[in-house]
Structure formats: structure tokens, C-alpha cells
Amino acid sequence: MNNREGMTLEFKWTVSRGRDTYGYNICSLFVDGVKRAACNGGGYDMEGTSLGNWMQKEFKEELLALRPEDMPKQSHWERAEKPGRYCAECITNDAIDGKEETKLPNDAETCPKCGGETRIDHNEGKTVDQGRYFYGLSFHNPNYDPGKAVVGKDCTDRTLGAGAEGKTVAEAEKAGESFGLERYQAFYSASSKHPTKEHVIPLIDGACGKSSVQAILRAVGYELEYIPTRSKNNSIYKLRALSRQEA
């Protein structure tokens, strides 16, 4: 692993004066005084995006060495298909009709104890395991051609015109039946959350949040150490190598 201890990372905020981007915010990342990444616009985490764009190149070998067991467990909450009900008036009581239970059948529109209106228990459900991966990190096959993906099969059919389903993305674009979403969807549908023999190009979508990008940075052995400044338009960090105990 290359030792990058002490690198200075500076995020600079400016405003675009370009013809087609006039007034856009620009977030540029300078590493040891050299501009390494930038993004513009707004409505997403721009510091996270600039940091991720730099990291995916600077730490390519370290990212490709990550294994699933090096990544955090991810899961989501899946609501019950037919959740039960509860009575807001009686929920604090110990029992309903003498039973140590406040949950009611999903068809009970009125409470059997007080006659009040019941509410659906939207918290009913289960935790679904999604495996181990980092938010925002994906790996891609450089030989994959999203233009050859089939609309409606390899990517969602969100074309402008009818009849594009079954065509390749390139064919739909040539016919004016696609406005680019299919190509984007096919590209990410063919990606992997872990490196493989084919998926050897790491990409970090920093728009998912700077904190998520920093979690990836920690996984490759580094963290950002904030350096206080008086500037409102710049923020400065030092890159610090983690010890084995911290990593």
C-alpha cells in the first residue's frame, strides 16, 4: 500500500461563469495543491462526489483488494403484507379483553375494549438481509457495452415512444425512442457490489453522502482529519493513515 499519510485535501467552492453553467456552484478538490476532481450543480452531496471521484482513481488497487467480509452488513425493513392494528387509546394498557396483547387482527376497525378507531401497525414486518457492501461503491466490467442491452429485459422500459421493448439500447436511441435512461440503467445493472475477475473498475457515487465515502476511505486504511480555517468557501483536511487497531 502506498503511504499517503499527510496529504492535504482542500475542497474549494466557487461559482461557474461558463456559458451553459452560469451561476452553478462548483466544488473542486485540490490534493497537495493540485486540482484532482470537481463537480457542479447542486441538490446532492458535492464534496462527497468530488472525494469519491478522486478516491476511485487514487485507491484503485486498494478498492479492488476489498473482500465482502471487509464490507459492512446492509439490510432493509420490509413491512408486513397484512399488518395488524392497534388502538391508540388502549396501547398503554396492559391488556385488551384480559389478554396480554395490544395487537389486534388486521380487520379490526374498532377496538373491542373502548370501541375507538384502530390504526394500522406500520412497524410490523421483518429485517431483510442484503449482504455486505458499501453504499455508493460499485465495480464495473470495462468490456461491457450498455448499447447492446435489450430494452425491457436488461434495463427498464422508460422510452419516449412505444415499440422500443426488445430493441437494443443503441437501436432505441438511433430511432429517437430513448432519452438515455436505459443506457444508464443497463450500465449499473451490469455492475457488481464486489470486485470480480471481470468487474475491475471501481466507481464511487459520492452523491450518496460524504460520510459513506469516508467509510470506504477507512476501509482502505485512511481517514480525513479536519483542519480548522476561517474561510467560508474552503475546507481543509489531512489524510491520516489508520493503525491496525483503528482499521
Protein backbone atom coordinates (compact mmCIF):
# COMPACT_ATOMS: atom_id res chain seq x y z
CA MET A 1 0.00 0.00 0.00
CA ASN A 2 1.35 3.41 -0.91
CA ASN A 3 1.75 5.66 2.10
CA ARG A 4 -0.32 8.79 1.56
CA GLU A 5 0.00 9.98 5.15
CA GLY A 6 -0.13 13.76 5.41
CA MET A 7 -1.68 14.54 2.03
CA THR A 8 -3.63 17.81 2.16
CA LEU A 9 -7.15 17.72 0.74
CA GLU A 10 -8.85 21.06 0.16
CA PHE A 11 -12.42 21.49 -1.02
CA LYS A 12 -12.93 24.84 -2.73
CA TRP A 13 -16.35 26.30 -3.51
CA THR A 14 -16.73 28.70 -6.43
CA VAL A 15 -19.48 29.79 -8.84
CA SER A 16 -19.42 28.98 -12.54
CA ARG A 17 -19.24 31.76 -15.10
CA GLY A 18 -19.47 29.36 -18.02
CA ARG A 19 -21.96 29.94 -20.82
CA ASP A 20 -24.18 26.92 -20.16
CA THR A 21 -23.45 26.61 -16.46
CA TYR A 22 -23.58 30.25 -15.35
CA GLY A 23 -24.43 30.53 -11.66
CA TYR A 24 -23.85 26.85 -10.88
CA ASN A 25 -21.96 26.01 -7.70
CA ILE A 26 -18.63 24.28 -8.29
CA CYS A 27 -16.94 22.06 -5.72
CA SER A 28 -13.29 21.35 -6.58
CA LEU A 29 -10.95 19.03 -4.72
CA PHE A 30 -7.27 20.01 -4.56
CA VAL A 31 -4.80 17.41 -3.31
CA ASP A 32 -1.48 18.88 -2.21
CA GLY A 33 -2.37 22.00 -4.17
CA VAL A 34 -3.24 20.22 -7.43
CA LYS A 35 -6.83 20.04 -8.69
CA ARG A 36 -7.83 16.39 -8.82
CA ALA A 37 -11.63 16.37 -9.09
CA ALA A 38 -14.64 18.69 -9.41
CA CYS A 39 -18.40 18.67 -9.85
CA ASN A 40 -21.07 21.33 -10.32
CA GLY A 41 -24.77 21.96 -9.98
CA GLY A 42 -26.45 21.33 -6.65
CA GLY A 43 -29.02 19.24 -4.82
CA TYR A 44 -26.59 16.45 -3.98
CA ASP A 45 -23.50 15.93 -1.82
CA MET A 46 -20.87 17.68 -3.92
CA GLU A 47 -17.95 17.28 -1.50
CA GLY A 48 -18.73 13.56 -1.31
CA THR A 49 -18.85 13.39 -5.11
CA SER A 50 -15.51 15.15 -5.58
CA LEU A 51 -13.90 13.00 -2.90
CA GLY A 52 -15.29 9.81 -4.45
CA ASN A 53 -14.15 10.78 -7.94
CA TRP A 54 -10.60 11.21 -6.67
CA MET A 55 -10.60 8.09 -4.48
CA GLN A 56 -11.78 5.72 -7.21
CA LYS A 57 -8.57 6.51 -9.14
CA GLU A 58 -6.13 7.12 -6.29
CA PHE A 59 -7.12 3.99 -4.36
CA LYS A 60 -7.99 1.70 -7.27
CA GLU A 61 -5.73 -1.18 -6.20
CA GLU A 62 -6.86 -0.98 -2.57
CA LEU A 63 -10.52 -0.95 -3.61
CA LEU A 64 -10.01 -3.99 -5.84
CA ALA A 65 -8.45 -5.80 -2.88
CA LEU A 66 -11.59 -5.37 -0.74
CA ARG A 67 -13.46 -8.56 0.07
CA PRO A 68 -17.14 -8.89 1.05
CA GLU A 69 -16.09 -9.63 4.64
CA ASP A 70 -14.33 -6.23 4.71
CA MET A 71 -17.64 -4.53 3.98
CA PRO A 72 -20.48 -3.66 6.37
CA LYS A 73 -23.68 -5.69 6.59
CA GLN A 74 -26.63 -4.00 4.90
CA SER A 75 -30.34 -4.67 5.38
CA HIS A 76 -33.72 -3.03 4.95
CA TRP A 77 -37.01 -3.17 6.77
CA GLU A 78 -39.81 -4.89 4.88
CA ARG A 79 -43.33 -4.08 6.12
CA ALA A 80 -45.76 -6.90 6.67
CA GLU A 81 -48.13 -7.54 3.75
CA LYS A 82 -51.12 -7.58 6.13
CA PRO A 83 -50.07 -5.72 9.27
CA GLY A 84 -52.15 -5.93 12.43
CA ARG A 85 -53.89 -2.98 14.07
CA TYR A 86 -53.74 -1.25 17.42
CA CYS A 87 -55.83 1.21 19.40
CA ALA A 88 -54.03 4.43 20.30
CA GLU A 89 -56.27 4.84 23.37
CA CYS A 90 -55.58 1.39 24.79
CA ILE A 91 -51.98 0.85 23.65
CA THR A 92 -50.62 1.85 27.08
CA ASN A 93 -52.88 -0.59 28.93
CA ASP A 94 -51.57 -3.99 29.93
CA ALA A 95 -54.36 -5.94 28.29
CA ILE A 96 -57.27 -5.91 25.87
CA ASP A 97 -60.15 -8.19 26.87
CA GLY A 98 -57.95 -9.80 29.53
CA LYS A 99 -55.17 -10.85 27.13
CA GLU A 100 -51.59 -9.70 27.47
CA GLU A 101 -51.72 -8.36 23.95
CA THR A 102 -52.35 -4.95 22.42
CA LYS A 103 -52.15 -6.12 18.82
CA LEU A 104 -55.47 -6.59 17.05
CA PRO A 105 -56.44 -8.54 13.91
CA ASN A 106 -55.83 -6.65 10.66
CA ASP A 107 -59.59 -6.49 10.01
CA ALA A 108 -60.44 -4.95 13.42
CA GLU A 109 -61.50 -1.42 12.51
CA THR A 110 -62.76 -0.73 16.05
CA CYS A 111 -61.17 -1.55 19.40
CA PRO A 112 -63.00 -4.37 21.28
CA LYS A 113 -62.29 -2.66 24.59
CA CYS A 114 -63.11 1.04 24.10
CA GLY A 115 -64.85 1.00 20.72
CA GLY A 116 -62.40 3.55 19.34
CA GLU A 117 -61.00 3.61 15.84
CA THR A 118 -57.91 1.42 15.34
CA ARG A 119 -54.76 2.19 13.37
CA ILE A 120 -52.60 0.03 11.13
CA ASP A 121 -49.32 -1.03 12.74
CA HIS A 122 -46.88 0.01 10.00
CA ASN A 123 -43.95 -1.11 12.17
CA GLU A 124 -44.91 -4.74 11.69
CA GLY A 125 -42.56 -6.58 9.38
CA LYS A 126 -39.11 -8.09 9.22
CA THR A 127 -35.49 -7.19 8.57
CA VAL A 128 -34.27 -8.41 5.16
CA ASP A 129 -30.56 -9.16 4.81
CA GLN A 130 -29.00 -7.57 1.71
CA GLY A 131 -25.48 -8.87 2.15
CA ARG A 132 -22.26 -6.93 2.69
CA TYR A 133 -21.33 -3.89 0.60
CA PHE A 134 -20.57 -0.17 0.81
CA TYR A 135 -23.18 2.41 -0.14
CA GLY A 136 -22.02 4.17 -3.29
CA LEU A 137 -19.27 1.71 -4.23
CA SER A 138 -19.68 -0.43 -7.35
CA PHE A 139 -17.35 -2.33 -9.67
CA HIS A 140 -17.68 -2.42 -13.46
CA ASN A 141 -16.65 -4.53 -16.43
CA PRO A 142 -14.69 -2.35 -18.91
CA ASN A 143 -15.69 -4.69 -21.76
CA TYR A 144 -19.44 -4.39 -21.12
CA ASP A 145 -21.33 -2.42 -23.79
CA PRO A 146 -24.62 -0.96 -22.43
CA GLY A 147 -25.60 -0.12 -26.02
CA LYS A 148 -26.17 -3.83 -26.61
CA ALA A 149 -28.51 -4.21 -23.62
CA VAL A 150 -32.11 -5.11 -24.52
CA VAL A 151 -34.82 -2.64 -23.51
CA GLY A 152 -37.37 -4.26 -21.21
CA LYS A 153 -35.01 -7.12 -20.35
CA ASP A 154 -31.61 -5.76 -19.32
CA CYS A 155 -32.96 -2.33 -18.38
CA THR A 156 -36.31 -0.72 -17.54
CA ASP A 157 -38.50 0.34 -20.45
CA ARG A 158 -38.73 4.11 -20.00
CA THR A 159 -38.54 5.08 -23.62
CA LEU A 160 -40.16 8.06 -25.29
CA GLY A 161 -42.03 6.06 -27.87
CA ALA A 162 -43.92 2.76 -27.99
CA GLY A 163 -42.40 -0.34 -29.51
CA ALA A 164 -38.87 0.03 -28.14
CA GLU A 165 -39.13 -3.07 -25.97
CA GLY A 166 -36.97 -5.84 -27.42
CA LYS A 167 -34.65 -3.42 -29.20
CA THR A 168 -31.10 -2.78 -28.05
CA VAL A 169 -30.41 0.49 -26.28
CA ALA A 170 -28.38 1.67 -29.29
CA GLU A 171 -31.27 0.86 -31.65
CA ALA A 172 -33.79 2.69 -29.44
CA GLU A 173 -31.52 5.73 -29.25
CA LYS A 174 -30.98 5.77 -33.02
CA ALA A 175 -34.76 5.61 -33.56
CA GLY A 176 -35.30 8.52 -31.16
CA GLU A 177 -37.20 6.28 -28.76
CA SER A 178 -34.81 6.62 -25.82
CA PHE A 179 -33.52 9.64 -23.94
CA GLY A 180 -30.61 7.93 -22.17
CA LEU A 181 -32.10 6.34 -19.06
CA GLU A 182 -31.85 2.83 -20.47
CA ARG A 183 -28.12 3.15 -21.14
CA TYR A 184 -27.58 4.41 -17.58
CA GLN A 185 -29.74 1.65 -16.09
CA ALA A 186 -28.03 -1.08 -18.12
CA PHE A 187 -24.60 0.17 -17.06
CA TYR A 188 -25.41 -0.04 -13.36
CA SER A 189 -27.48 -3.23 -13.66
CA ALA A 190 -24.37 -4.97 -15.01
CA SER A 191 -22.21 -3.74 -12.13
CA SER A 192 -21.14 -5.69 -9.05
CA LYS A 193 -21.02 -4.64 -5.41
CA HIS A 194 -17.77 -6.58 -5.06
CA PRO A 195 -14.69 -6.83 -7.29
CA THR A 196 -14.55 -9.87 -9.60
CA LYS A 197 -12.28 -11.02 -12.42
CA GLU A 198 -14.45 -9.06 -14.85
CA HIS A 199 -15.50 -6.13 -12.64
CA VAL A 200 -12.19 -4.33 -12.27
CA ILE A 201 -13.14 -0.65 -12.49
CA PRO A 202 -14.24 0.81 -9.13
CA LEU A 203 -16.68 3.70 -9.11
CA ILE A 204 -17.75 5.71 -6.07
CA ASP A 205 -21.02 7.62 -6.22
CA GLY A 206 -20.31 10.31 -3.66
CA ALA A 207 -23.78 11.77 -4.08
CA CYS A 208 -24.89 9.10 -1.59
CA GLY A 209 -23.15 11.15 1.10
CA LYS A 210 -19.68 12.23 2.15
CA SER A 211 -19.96 10.08 5.29
CA SER A 212 -20.50 6.99 3.11
CA VAL A 213 -17.41 7.87 1.07
CA GLN A 214 -15.40 8.34 4.25
CA ALA A 215 -16.48 4.85 5.37
CA ILE A 216 -14.94 3.49 2.15
CA LEU A 217 -11.81 5.55 2.81
CA ARG A 218 -11.49 3.97 6.26
CA ALA A 219 -11.79 0.51 4.69
CA VAL A 220 -8.65 1.18 2.61
CA GLY A 221 -6.78 2.41 5.68
CA TYR A 222 -7.19 6.19 5.87
CA GLU A 223 -9.34 8.91 7.37
CA LEU A 224 -9.77 12.66 6.95
CA GLU A 225 -8.58 14.89 9.79
CA TYR A 226 -10.27 18.29 9.68
CA ILE A 227 -8.05 21.38 9.81
CA PRO A 228 -9.97 24.44 11.13
CA THR A 229 -9.84 27.56 8.94
CA ARG A 230 -11.64 30.89 8.85
CA SER A 231 -12.62 30.52 5.20
CA LYS A 232 -16.31 30.06 4.38
CA ASN A 233 -15.60 28.74 0.90
CA ASN A 234 -12.82 26.25 1.64
CA SER A 235 -12.48 23.25 3.93
CA ILE A 236 -9.14 21.54 4.53
CA TYR A 237 -8.29 18.04 5.71
CA LYS A 238 -5.16 15.99 6.29
CA LEU A 239 -5.10 12.38 5.19
CA ARG A 240 -4.17 10.19 8.16
CA ALA A 241 -3.20 6.54 7.91
CA LEU A 242 -5.06 4.32 10.36
CA SER A 243 -3.29 1.93 12.64
CA ARG A 244 -4.18 -1.76 12.50
CA GLN A 245 -6.22 -1.36 15.68
CA GLU A 246 -8.22 1.54 14.17
CA ALA A 247 -8.80 0.00 10.73
